[in-house]
Every structure is written in structure tokens, then in C-alpha cells.
Amino acid sequence: MLRTCLLVLAIGAFAPVAMAQSQATPATAFARFIELANTGGLGSPEGQALLTGEAKAAATNAVSALPAPERVVTISSDKAAAHLVFKGADGLESDAYFYLERTDDAWRVSAFRQMAMTDISYVLLREMNKQATLSPADQDEKRNLELLLSSNRQLRAWFAANQPALDALAQTADRSASDPAIQLRLKALGISVAQKVRDQIVLTIGGAVDNTVGILRAGPSGPPTISPSEFIWVEPLGDGWYLFRTT
């Protein structure tokens, strides 16, 4: 009986310490979040302590199948984001993003985002893939759809293969809307719009409404800040270029 009481007291004393350690950094907090989500433990006291905001309101005891994050990035002293890659049975990759906030000296998961409104684009691309031949205009649209639906990994490879052409386009972004030759270069790469926005060169691949994906070259003010409300992901590609997604 005495041994049992001592064991209970030891566990009770250890639990807050272990929980505090698991929330000490964005990476440790998110790693524990993954463990609990994948065992149906987000509804437990520990799971609830790892959550805040809309993530806490949406949490259930359902068992998830979340992969380990590709990366966890610190945005500021009290904000962070995690990037996950889901791989389907058909080999397709999709990117997802979780956001963390630091409150009461502990990191907690606060929100989740993915690119929305892509279903129609997938349908259009599947129909185009069934066609034996495509018109030049349809070939341009297909190229754009393929790029739009690419994962971050695929977009990094595309950027590396096309950086010289993208560097050249950045020099002409302010007149691209009125220059047919530049429009042809954009279509050949799969880009919809090139424009200068304040001190940034923004090359938008596409999207629907405010769900967009593209790359930008940051100016002196730096790249946009990652947040669940606008730029859901911003990733450095090198030489001042960044991959971005909005929602």
C-alpha cells in the first residue's frame, strides 16, 4: 500500500515537469502533439494543454495519421509554424501547415491550414491528361495546373531548374502586363501573373480567390510573415527568392 501511494505521488510530481519539457520549444511541443494526435489523445488533459485557440476548439479523440514534420520554423518569440507532407497511395504529395503560439511560457498548437479550393483544378487536369492532343492554349493551361498543384518539394525543384529565366522575368515584372513577349515567357514557365508589389517581385502561379501559390523576390523590407490568416507558408529558395502560399 505504501509503495502504491509513493508511486502515485511520484507520477503526480513528474507529470507537470514532463509536460513542461514537452512544451519548451516549438519542435518538442509539436512532436508531442503528433504523438497524441496519432493515439487519439488530444482530448486528454495533456492534449488539451498542448492546444489553444481554434485548434483546441476543434480537437477530438479521433486517431490521426500525421507524419513527422518536414520542418518546424520559428517566426518570432511567440509564433512558430510546422510543415507536414502527406503522401497518397497514388504518389501525390500534399502540404499542410500547423501554427504554434507561446503562451504562459509554453508552446501550443493553435491552427491548421492547407491550400483550399483545388478540387476543380484536379478535375480539369485529369480531363486534360485524357486527351491525346491539346491546343497550344490548352497546353499552357495544363502546364499552369501542373505547377499550381505541385507540392513544395516539386516547386523547389522547378525553381532550381528555372532560376535564370525567373531572374530575367523579375527585371521586367513592372511591364509584363502590357508586353506580349513577356506574357509568352510567363506562359512557357506556367506562371499566371508577374507584378511588382511595393518592393517585392511577385510571380503568381495561380489559385482561386485568395488561395494562391507562387514565388516572390523580397526587397529591403524582407519577405512576408507566415501566419494562418494570409501567407500560410513562406519558404526561402535562395538568392532572395521565396516560395509562398496564401489563403
Protein backbone atom coordinates (compact mmCIF):
# COMPACT_ATOMS: atom_id res chain seq x y z
CA MET A 1 0.00 0.00 0.00
CA LEU A 2 2.79 2.39 0.93
CA ARG A 3 4.65 1.55 -2.29
CA THR A 4 1.50 2.27 -4.32
CA CYS A 5 1.00 5.64 -2.65
CA LEU A 6 4.62 6.59 -3.25
CA LEU A 7 4.29 5.60 -6.92
CA VAL A 8 1.18 7.72 -7.35
CA LEU A 9 2.90 10.69 -5.70
CA ALA A 10 5.96 10.23 -7.91
CA ILE A 11 3.88 10.13 -11.07
CA GLY A 12 1.92 13.19 -9.98
CA ALA A 13 5.11 15.13 -9.32
CA PHE A 14 6.74 14.05 -12.56
CA ALA A 15 3.81 14.74 -14.92
CA PRO A 16 3.90 18.58 -14.78
CA VAL A 17 7.67 18.52 -15.29
CA ALA A 18 7.41 16.19 -18.29
CA MET A 19 4.61 18.28 -19.77
CA ALA A 20 6.62 21.48 -19.33
CA GLN A 21 9.61 19.88 -21.06
CA SER A 22 7.44 18.75 -23.98
CA GLN A 23 6.29 22.34 -24.49
CA ALA A 24 9.67 24.02 -24.03
CA THR A 25 10.32 24.58 -27.75
CA PRO A 26 8.12 24.61 -30.89
CA ALA A 27 9.77 21.36 -32.05
CA THR A 28 9.22 19.46 -28.79
CA ALA A 29 5.65 20.74 -28.46
CA PHE A 30 4.80 19.73 -31.99
CA ALA A 31 6.45 16.33 -31.65
CA ARG A 32 4.28 15.61 -28.61
CA PHE A 33 1.22 16.93 -30.45
CA ILE A 34 1.89 14.41 -33.25
CA GLU A 35 2.22 11.57 -30.74
CA LEU A 36 -1.05 12.44 -29.01
CA ALA A 37 -2.94 13.07 -32.26
CA ASN A 38 -1.87 9.70 -33.63
CA THR A 39 -3.01 7.85 -30.49
CA GLY A 40 -6.30 9.71 -30.01
CA GLY A 41 -5.01 11.63 -27.02
CA LEU A 42 -5.78 15.24 -27.88
CA GLY A 43 -8.88 15.17 -25.71
CA SER A 44 -6.83 14.20 -22.64
CA PRO A 45 -5.68 16.81 -20.11
CA GLU A 46 -2.18 16.72 -21.61
CA GLY A 47 -3.57 17.02 -25.12
CA GLN A 48 -5.74 19.98 -24.16
CA ALA A 49 -2.75 21.65 -22.51
CA LEU A 50 -0.89 21.41 -25.84
CA LEU A 51 -3.65 23.27 -27.68
CA THR A 52 -5.03 26.78 -27.86
CA GLY A 53 -7.39 28.84 -29.98
CA GLU A 54 -9.19 27.19 -32.89
CA ALA A 55 -7.07 24.03 -32.61
CA LYS A 56 -8.32 23.47 -29.06
CA ALA A 57 -11.91 24.11 -30.09
CA ALA A 58 -11.66 21.56 -32.93
CA ALA A 59 -9.78 18.82 -31.04
CA THR A 60 -11.35 15.36 -30.69
CA ASN A 61 -10.25 11.92 -29.51
CA ALA A 62 -10.11 10.66 -33.10
CA VAL A 63 -6.93 8.81 -34.07
CA SER A 64 -4.96 10.66 -36.76
CA ALA A 65 -2.16 9.54 -39.06
CA LEU A 66 0.05 12.61 -39.10
CA PRO A 67 3.59 12.23 -40.49
CA ALA A 68 6.60 13.76 -38.80
CA PRO A 69 7.03 17.40 -39.86
CA GLU A 70 9.38 18.21 -42.69
CA ARG A 71 10.37 21.31 -40.78
CA VAL A 72 9.37 23.47 -37.82
CA VAL A 73 10.26 27.15 -38.17
CA THR A 74 10.29 29.87 -35.55
CA ILE A 75 8.53 33.02 -36.78
CA SER A 76 9.01 35.20 -33.70
CA SER A 77 9.49 34.87 -29.96
CA ASP A 78 5.89 33.66 -29.61
CA LYS A 79 4.95 32.29 -33.05
CA ALA A 80 6.07 29.21 -35.00
CA ALA A 81 4.87 27.02 -37.87
CA ALA A 82 5.25 23.38 -38.87
CA HIS A 83 5.17 21.98 -42.41
CA LEU A 84 3.92 18.42 -42.98
CA VAL A 85 3.88 16.44 -46.24
CA PHE A 86 1.12 13.90 -46.81
CA LYS A 87 1.75 11.20 -49.42
CA GLY A 88 -1.21 9.48 -51.05
CA ALA A 89 -1.39 5.95 -52.40
CA ASP A 90 -1.24 7.41 -55.92
CA GLY A 91 2.10 9.04 -55.15
CA LEU A 92 0.68 12.56 -54.95
CA GLU A 93 2.05 14.83 -52.26
CA SER A 94 0.11 17.50 -50.40
CA ASP A 95 1.41 20.08 -47.97
CA ALA A 96 -0.19 21.04 -44.67
CA TYR A 97 0.71 23.64 -42.09
CA PHE A 98 0.22 23.87 -38.34
CA TYR A 99 0.78 27.00 -36.27
CA LEU A 100 2.04 27.32 -32.72
CA GLU A 101 1.83 30.10 -30.16
CA ARG A 102 3.82 30.60 -26.98
CA THR A 103 1.56 31.41 -24.03
CA ASP A 104 2.34 31.18 -20.32
CA ASP A 105 5.92 30.12 -21.19
CA ALA A 106 4.72 27.06 -23.11
CA TRP A 107 4.31 26.33 -26.83
CA ARG A 108 0.86 25.24 -28.01
CA VAL A 109 -0.64 24.31 -31.38
CA SER A 110 -3.19 26.95 -32.39
CA ALA A 111 -4.34 26.36 -36.00
CA PHE A 112 -4.12 24.24 -39.15
CA ARG A 113 -4.19 25.27 -42.82
CA GLN A 114 -3.99 23.75 -46.31
CA MET A 115 -4.47 25.20 -49.77
CA ALA A 116 -8.22 25.28 -50.36
CA MET A 117 -10.42 25.19 -53.47
CA THR A 118 -8.14 22.94 -55.55
CA ASP A 119 -10.72 20.25 -56.39
CA ILE A 120 -11.77 21.86 -59.68
CA SER A 121 -8.14 22.19 -60.73
CA TYR A 122 -7.55 18.47 -60.13
CA VAL A 123 -10.64 17.61 -62.22
CA LEU A 124 -9.51 19.85 -65.09
CA LEU A 125 -6.01 18.38 -65.07
CA ARG A 126 -7.32 14.80 -65.08
CA GLU A 127 -9.52 15.57 -68.09
CA MET A 128 -6.60 17.17 -69.94
CA ASN A 129 -4.43 14.14 -69.25
CA LYS A 130 -7.02 12.00 -71.05
CA GLN A 131 -6.66 13.99 -74.28
CA ALA A 132 -4.33 12.65 -76.97
CA THR A 133 -3.57 16.16 -78.23
CA LEU A 134 -4.04 19.63 -76.81
CA SER A 135 -4.18 23.02 -78.46
CA PRO A 136 -1.36 25.47 -77.64
CA ALA A 137 -3.72 27.33 -75.29
CA ASP A 138 -4.67 24.10 -73.52
CA GLN A 139 -1.02 23.13 -73.24
CA ASP A 140 -0.36 26.43 -71.47
CA GLU A 141 -3.29 25.80 -69.13
CA LYS A 142 -2.13 22.25 -68.40
CA ARG A 143 1.38 23.46 -67.60
CA ASN A 144 -0.06 26.03 -65.21
CA LEU A 145 -2.34 23.49 -63.50
CA GLU A 146 0.52 21.05 -63.01
CA LEU A 147 2.57 23.76 -61.35
CA LEU A 148 -0.36 25.01 -59.29
CA LEU A 149 -0.96 21.53 -57.89
CA SER A 150 2.71 20.80 -57.24
CA SER A 151 3.97 20.16 -53.73
CA ASN A 152 6.57 22.38 -52.11
CA ARG A 153 9.24 19.76 -52.88
CA GLN A 154 8.28 19.82 -56.56
CA LEU A 155 8.21 23.61 -56.63
CA ARG A 156 11.70 23.76 -55.12
CA ALA A 157 12.96 21.54 -57.95
CA TRP A 158 11.12 23.62 -60.54
CA PHE A 159 12.68 26.80 -59.17
CA ALA A 160 16.18 25.33 -59.24
CA ALA A 161 15.73 24.30 -62.89
CA ASN A 162 14.30 27.66 -63.98
CA GLN A 163 16.02 30.26 -61.82
CA PRO A 164 17.86 32.03 -64.68
CA ALA A 165 14.57 32.57 -66.52
CA LEU A 166 12.88 33.71 -63.31
CA ASP A 167 15.71 36.15 -62.56
CA ALA A 168 15.22 37.63 -66.03
CA LEU A 169 11.46 37.93 -65.54
CA ALA A 170 12.00 39.75 -62.27
CA GLN A 171 13.70 42.54 -64.21
CA THR A 172 10.60 43.08 -66.36
CA ALA A 173 7.76 42.45 -63.89
CA ASP A 174 6.63 46.07 -63.86
CA ARG A 175 5.78 45.98 -67.57
CA SER A 176 4.73 42.37 -68.00
CA ALA A 177 1.01 43.13 -68.27
CA SER A 178 1.49 45.20 -71.42
CA ASP A 179 4.27 43.26 -73.14
CA PRO A 180 3.13 40.23 -75.24
CA ALA A 181 6.66 38.80 -75.36
CA ILE A 182 6.86 38.73 -71.57
CA GLN A 183 3.40 37.15 -71.42
CA LEU A 184 4.65 34.32 -73.63
CA ARG A 185 7.63 33.77 -71.34
CA LEU A 186 5.32 33.61 -68.34
CA LYS A 187 3.06 31.03 -70.00
CA ALA A 188 6.06 28.93 -71.02
CA LEU A 189 7.01 28.67 -67.34
CA GLY A 190 3.47 28.09 -66.07
CA ILE A 191 3.14 31.46 -64.33
CA SER A 192 -0.10 33.45 -64.48
CA VAL A 193 0.89 36.91 -63.29
CA ALA A 194 4.11 38.86 -62.72
CA GLN A 195 3.93 42.13 -60.85
CA LYS A 196 5.82 44.44 -58.56
CA VAL A 197 4.12 44.80 -55.18
CA ARG A 198 5.80 47.52 -53.13
CA ASP A 199 9.44 46.40 -53.01
CA GLN A 200 8.72 42.77 -53.92
CA ILE A 201 8.63 40.99 -57.29
CA VAL A 202 5.69 38.57 -57.14
CA LEU A 203 5.27 35.76 -59.68
CA THR A 204 1.89 34.15 -59.03
CA ILE A 205 1.38 30.66 -60.41
CA GLY A 206 -2.34 30.65 -59.72
CA GLY A 207 -5.11 29.68 -57.38
CA ALA A 208 -8.71 30.59 -56.62
CA VAL A 209 -9.87 33.74 -54.86
CA ASP A 210 -7.24 34.30 -52.14
CA ASN A 211 -5.86 30.75 -52.19
CA THR A 212 -2.74 31.29 -54.26
CA VAL A 213 0.72 29.86 -54.74
CA GLY A 214 3.78 31.44 -56.31
CA ILE A 215 7.27 32.73 -55.72
CA LEU A 216 8.49 36.20 -54.84
CA ARG A 217 11.77 38.03 -54.63
CA ALA A 218 11.86 40.05 -51.45
CA GLY A 219 13.01 43.65 -51.30
CA PRO A 220 14.64 45.55 -48.44
CA SER A 221 11.58 45.06 -46.22
CA GLY A 222 12.05 41.30 -46.36
CA PRO A 223 9.58 38.50 -47.10
CA PRO A 224 6.01 38.37 -45.79
CA THR A 225 5.47 36.90 -42.35
CA ILE A 226 3.94 33.43 -42.05
CA SER A 227 0.51 33.44 -40.41
CA PRO A 228 -2.68 31.35 -40.56
CA SER A 229 -4.62 34.36 -41.83
CA GLU A 230 -2.78 35.29 -45.06
CA PHE A 231 0.65 33.90 -46.01
CA ILE A 232 0.19 30.39 -44.66
CA TRP A 233 3.69 29.40 -45.78
CA VAL A 234 6.81 31.30 -46.87
CA GLU A 235 9.95 29.32 -47.61
CA PRO A 236 13.39 30.59 -48.73
CA LEU A 237 14.56 29.25 -52.08
CA GLY A 238 17.86 31.13 -52.28
CA ASP A 239 19.18 34.40 -53.73
CA GLY A 240 16.32 36.40 -52.20
CA TRP A 241 13.56 34.20 -53.67
CA TYR A 242 10.76 32.66 -51.60
CA LEU A 243 8.00 30.18 -52.19
CA PHE A 244 4.68 31.41 -50.85
CA ARG A 245 1.15 30.15 -50.30
CA THR A 246 -1.81 32.24 -49.22
CA THR A 247 -5.31 31.51 -48.04
